[in-house]
Amino acid sequence: MASVKSMDIGRALSQLRWINMFLGLIIIVFNIFGILGNLLNPGLILMNAFSILFAGILCLYEMQMKKLGQKLRRLYGFLYTYIGRSLYLFLYVVLLFMWCSLGTILFTISTWYNWALGIIIILDALYNVLILFVHPAFKNGQRKMTDDPTVNYTAGESVGVQWRCNG
């Protein structure tokens, strides 16, 4: 907790962005394999597809691509606040756990990876909330929970070009 308080706010918010992006990509990959492994089960295919959709929205938001930015802001404006992004993660975890329970009850197939990813996303969401409630930048009013986190983001296109040039 002391490390969160002493951490530079820019670094903390950058960590949140990259953690969210990484988790979203992992969820997409696992659920694609979930679809491929259950081609004869339409219920699990649908649950995995919705999971991919929610993770894709999170990834697109965190990428901040200029062409999609305005459309995402119009459709998913709640993501453009610190607290909205944290609540989205909690909602997503509830859906993952609901799908896991439903999949186990209806299809007698346990989607273990959704349980594991759900626990990891809970930890990520709690880290988001911890920064919102503990970090001095939010406590002293320098930043508000309803501020737009993307104001200080580097556009996804710029990060991609930097990565290609350095790699």
Foldseek 3Di string as FASTA:
>chain_A
DVCLQPDDPVVLLVVLLVVLLVLLVVLLVLLVVQCVVPVVDVLSVVLSVVLNVLSVLSNCCSQQAPVCNVVSCVVPVLCQFLVSVLVSLVVSLVSLVVSQVCCCVPVVDGPVVSVVSSVVSVVSSVSSVCSCVRHVCNVVVVDDRGHGSCPPPDHNVVVVVVVVVVD
